[in-house]
Structures are given as C-alpha cells and as structure tokens.
Protein backbone atom coordinates (compact mmCIF):
# COMPACT_ATOMS: atom_id res chain seq x y z
CA GLU A 1 4.92 63.27 -27.31
CA LYS A 2 3.61 60.21 -29.51
CA LEU A 3 4.18 57.78 -26.43
CA ASP A 4 1.46 60.41 -24.17
CA GLU A 5 -0.90 60.41 -26.65
CA ILE A 6 -0.80 56.55 -27.05
CA LYS A 7 -1.23 56.67 -23.35
CA ASN A 8 -4.17 59.46 -23.59
CA LEU A 9 -5.75 57.21 -26.05
CA THR A 10 -9.00 55.13 -25.14
CA LYS A 11 -10.79 52.74 -27.67
CA GLU A 12 -14.11 52.09 -27.61
CA ILE A 13 -16.07 54.99 -25.88
CA GLU A 14 -19.73 55.04 -24.74
CA TYR A 15 -20.99 57.63 -23.20
CA ILE A 16 -24.83 57.81 -22.26
CA THR A 17 -27.24 60.44 -20.87
CA SER A 18 -30.53 61.38 -20.46
CA ASN A 19 -33.56 64.36 -19.81
CA ASN A 20 -36.13 64.75 -17.84
CA ASN A 21 -38.53 64.01 -20.95
CA GLY A 22 -37.04 60.40 -20.46
CA ASP A 23 -34.88 61.06 -23.64
CA ILE A 24 -31.81 58.96 -24.04
CA TYR A 25 -28.30 60.32 -25.95
CA LYS A 26 -25.87 57.86 -26.50
CA ILE A 27 -22.12 58.43 -27.99
CA SER A 28 -20.15 56.23 -28.99
CA ALA A 29 -16.62 56.44 -30.72
CA LYS A 30 -13.97 53.70 -31.77
CA TYR A 31 -11.49 56.02 -30.50
CA GLY A 32 -10.89 58.98 -27.79
CA LYS A 33 -8.75 61.13 -25.71
CA THR A 34 -8.31 63.67 -22.97
CA ASN A 35 -8.58 67.45 -24.89
CA VAL A 36 -5.21 68.85 -23.71
CA LYS A 37 -6.31 72.29 -23.96
CA ASP A 38 -9.50 71.50 -22.08
CA THR A 39 -9.60 68.43 -19.82
CA ASN A 40 -13.58 68.60 -19.90
CA ILE A 41 -13.47 67.91 -23.38
CA LEU A 42 -12.71 64.61 -24.58
CA ASP A 43 -11.89 64.40 -28.36
CA LEU A 44 -13.44 61.43 -30.56
CA GLU A 45 -12.63 59.68 -33.47
CA LYS A 46 -15.16 57.48 -36.09
CA VAL A 47 -18.51 58.57 -33.76
CA GLY A 48 -22.02 57.10 -33.86
CA GLY A 49 -24.59 58.47 -31.60
CA THR A 50 -28.67 58.07 -31.05
CA ILE A 51 -31.32 59.91 -29.66
CA SER A 52 -33.67 57.98 -28.58
CA SER A 53 -37.10 58.75 -27.19
CA PRO A 54 -40.17 57.10 -25.46
CA GLU A 55 -42.90 59.37 -28.01
CA ARG A 56 -40.53 59.44 -30.81
CA SER A 57 -38.70 57.72 -33.69
CA GLU A 58 -34.77 58.08 -33.43
CA ILE A 59 -32.37 60.38 -34.55
CA PHE A 60 -29.36 58.36 -35.26
CA LEU A 61 -25.44 60.52 -36.16
CA VAL A 62 -22.12 59.91 -37.68
CA SER A 63 -19.47 61.76 -38.23
CA ASP A 64 -15.42 61.47 -38.29
CA TYR A 65 -14.70 63.31 -35.31
CA ALA A 66 -16.62 64.99 -32.36
CA LYS A 67 -15.79 66.86 -28.99
CA TYR A 68 -17.93 65.71 -26.54
CA ASN A 69 -18.03 68.29 -23.22
CA TYR A 70 -18.13 66.06 -19.94
CA THR A 71 -19.53 69.25 -17.95
CA ASN A 72 -22.86 69.92 -19.89
CA GLN A 73 -22.80 66.59 -22.27
CA ASN A 74 -22.96 68.97 -25.51
CA SER A 75 -21.04 67.44 -28.19
CA LYS A 76 -19.45 69.18 -31.29
CA PHE A 77 -19.84 66.61 -34.96
CA TYR A 78 -17.53 67.66 -37.36
CA SER A 79 -16.19 66.42 -40.61
CA ASN A 80 -18.37 64.16 -42.89
CA VAL A 81 -21.78 64.67 -40.63
CA GLU A 82 -24.96 62.85 -41.39
CA ILE A 83 -28.06 63.02 -39.14
CA LYS A 84 -30.89 60.52 -40.42
CA TYR A 85 -34.33 60.55 -39.11
CA ASP A 86 -37.76 59.73 -40.42
CA GLU A 87 -36.79 58.93 -43.53
CA LYS A 88 -34.90 61.82 -43.80
CA ILE A 89 -31.21 62.83 -44.11
CA ILE A 90 -28.93 65.72 -43.23
CA TYR A 91 -25.52 66.21 -44.23
CA CYS A 92 -23.61 68.91 -42.90
CA ASP A 93 -19.86 69.72 -41.97
CA ASN A 94 -20.47 70.41 -38.85
CA LEU A 95 -23.00 69.70 -36.26
CA GLU A 96 -23.53 71.33 -32.47
CA LEU A 97 -25.72 68.63 -30.13
CA GLU A 98 -26.89 71.40 -27.18
CA ILE A 99 -28.54 69.11 -24.77
CA SER A 100 -29.86 71.09 -22.13
CA LYS A 101 -31.47 73.03 -25.03
CA ASN A 102 -32.52 70.28 -26.92
CA ILE A 103 -31.52 71.30 -29.99
CA ALA A 104 -29.16 70.50 -32.81
CA ILE A 105 -27.40 73.50 -34.81
CA ALA A 106 -25.83 72.24 -38.09
CA TYR A 107 -23.88 74.07 -40.75
CA GLY A 108 -21.35 74.19 -43.44
CA ASN A 109 -22.88 72.87 -46.58
CA VAL A 110 -26.04 71.90 -45.03
CA ILE A 111 -28.43 69.29 -47.13
CA VAL A 112 -31.34 68.35 -46.31
CA LYS A 113 -32.96 65.03 -48.13
CA ASP A 114 -35.72 63.12 -48.39
CA LYS A 115 -38.02 60.95 -50.96
CA LYS A 116 -39.44 64.26 -52.64
CA SER A 117 -37.32 67.02 -51.89
CA LEU A 118 -33.18 68.27 -51.96
CA MET A 119 -32.96 71.50 -49.51
CA LYS A 120 -29.47 73.09 -49.21
CA ALA A 121 -28.93 75.76 -46.57
CA GLN A 122 -26.03 77.69 -44.62
CA THR A 123 -27.56 76.62 -41.16
CA ILE A 124 -30.57 74.94 -39.76
CA ILE A 125 -31.86 74.84 -36.19
CA MET A 126 -33.88 71.02 -35.26
CA ASP A 127 -35.70 71.08 -32.22
CA ILE A 128 -34.52 67.63 -31.11
CA VAL A 129 -37.84 66.82 -29.19
CA THR A 130 -40.29 68.01 -31.76
CA LYS A 131 -37.77 67.66 -35.01
CA ASP A 132 -39.24 70.82 -35.83
CA ILE A 133 -36.51 72.92 -38.61
CA SER A 134 -35.45 76.16 -39.06
CA ILE A 135 -33.83 77.25 -41.60
CA ASN A 136 -31.36 80.32 -41.23
CA SER A 137 -29.12 81.49 -44.55
CA SER A 138 -28.49 84.47 -45.83
CA ASN A 139 -28.01 83.52 -48.98
CA LYS A 140 -30.67 81.97 -51.46
CA ILE A 141 -32.31 78.86 -50.41
CA SER A 142 -32.16 76.07 -52.84
CA ILE A 143 -35.30 73.61 -52.75
CA PHE A 144 -35.77 70.77 -55.43
CA SER A 145 -38.21 68.44 -55.97
CA ASN A 146 -38.19 65.13 -57.06
C-alpha cells in the first residue's frame, strides 16, 4: 500500500482554468495524488491559489489541504485556510470554491479581519467576481472595531 501511495504521488502540481469573464483560477500544490474513492478528485497538500481578473485585484488562497475536482474545476480547501484580498484576511476551517457559480463558501471558525474590524461568523458566502460577502449565522455575529 505504501508503494502504491508513492507511485500515485505527484510533486509540484499546478492547475489553471478561466471563465467567460476572463478571470483566471490557478491552484498549485506541493504534493498531490488521485483520490482512491473518486478518480475525478485530486487530493492536494500544501496548497496555494489565486483568482485573477483583468478588472479587479487578486484573491490569494492558502491551506494545508485541498480536493480539486477535474470535471467541474471546483475545489474544497481545508485545514488552516487563509484568503487575502483588498487588505482583508479571512481565516476558516473550510472553503469551497464553486467556479461555475463564481462563489466561495467559507465555514467553520470563520474570522474576517481588516485594518478597522474583526468579525466572527459561522458561514460567509463571497461572490468572487464582485467580492461582496453575505453572512449566514444562526448564532450571534461578533464584530469588533479597532
């Protein structure tokens, strides 16, 4: 089994895709291997990503792990997820990037920080085109100003 894992391991992986608006999605990883249960999924480790647009500033993503789906280019980032854009940082346990819908869903210990405030929520949904955020929480939302 260990030998099969080593054979299946790929180093220094990079995937690039784009949408009709000219936005470019790039995901790179130190290591990756095909998921044993679903061959359309690539399991990634030490992951980084960017969402670039000809009209807007870049969005940067990092996480310890991710699952990349070959068929729809959607990705699920997990463990120490960090999203940076426009002087904002979002920390969370999980981030699902749905390319066809142009949304990113962050959930699990979500913290949004900028120079003036800190916000905690259960789930946020970000439109990756406009960068608008909607907050979904069944608990009280905490916002702290600096």
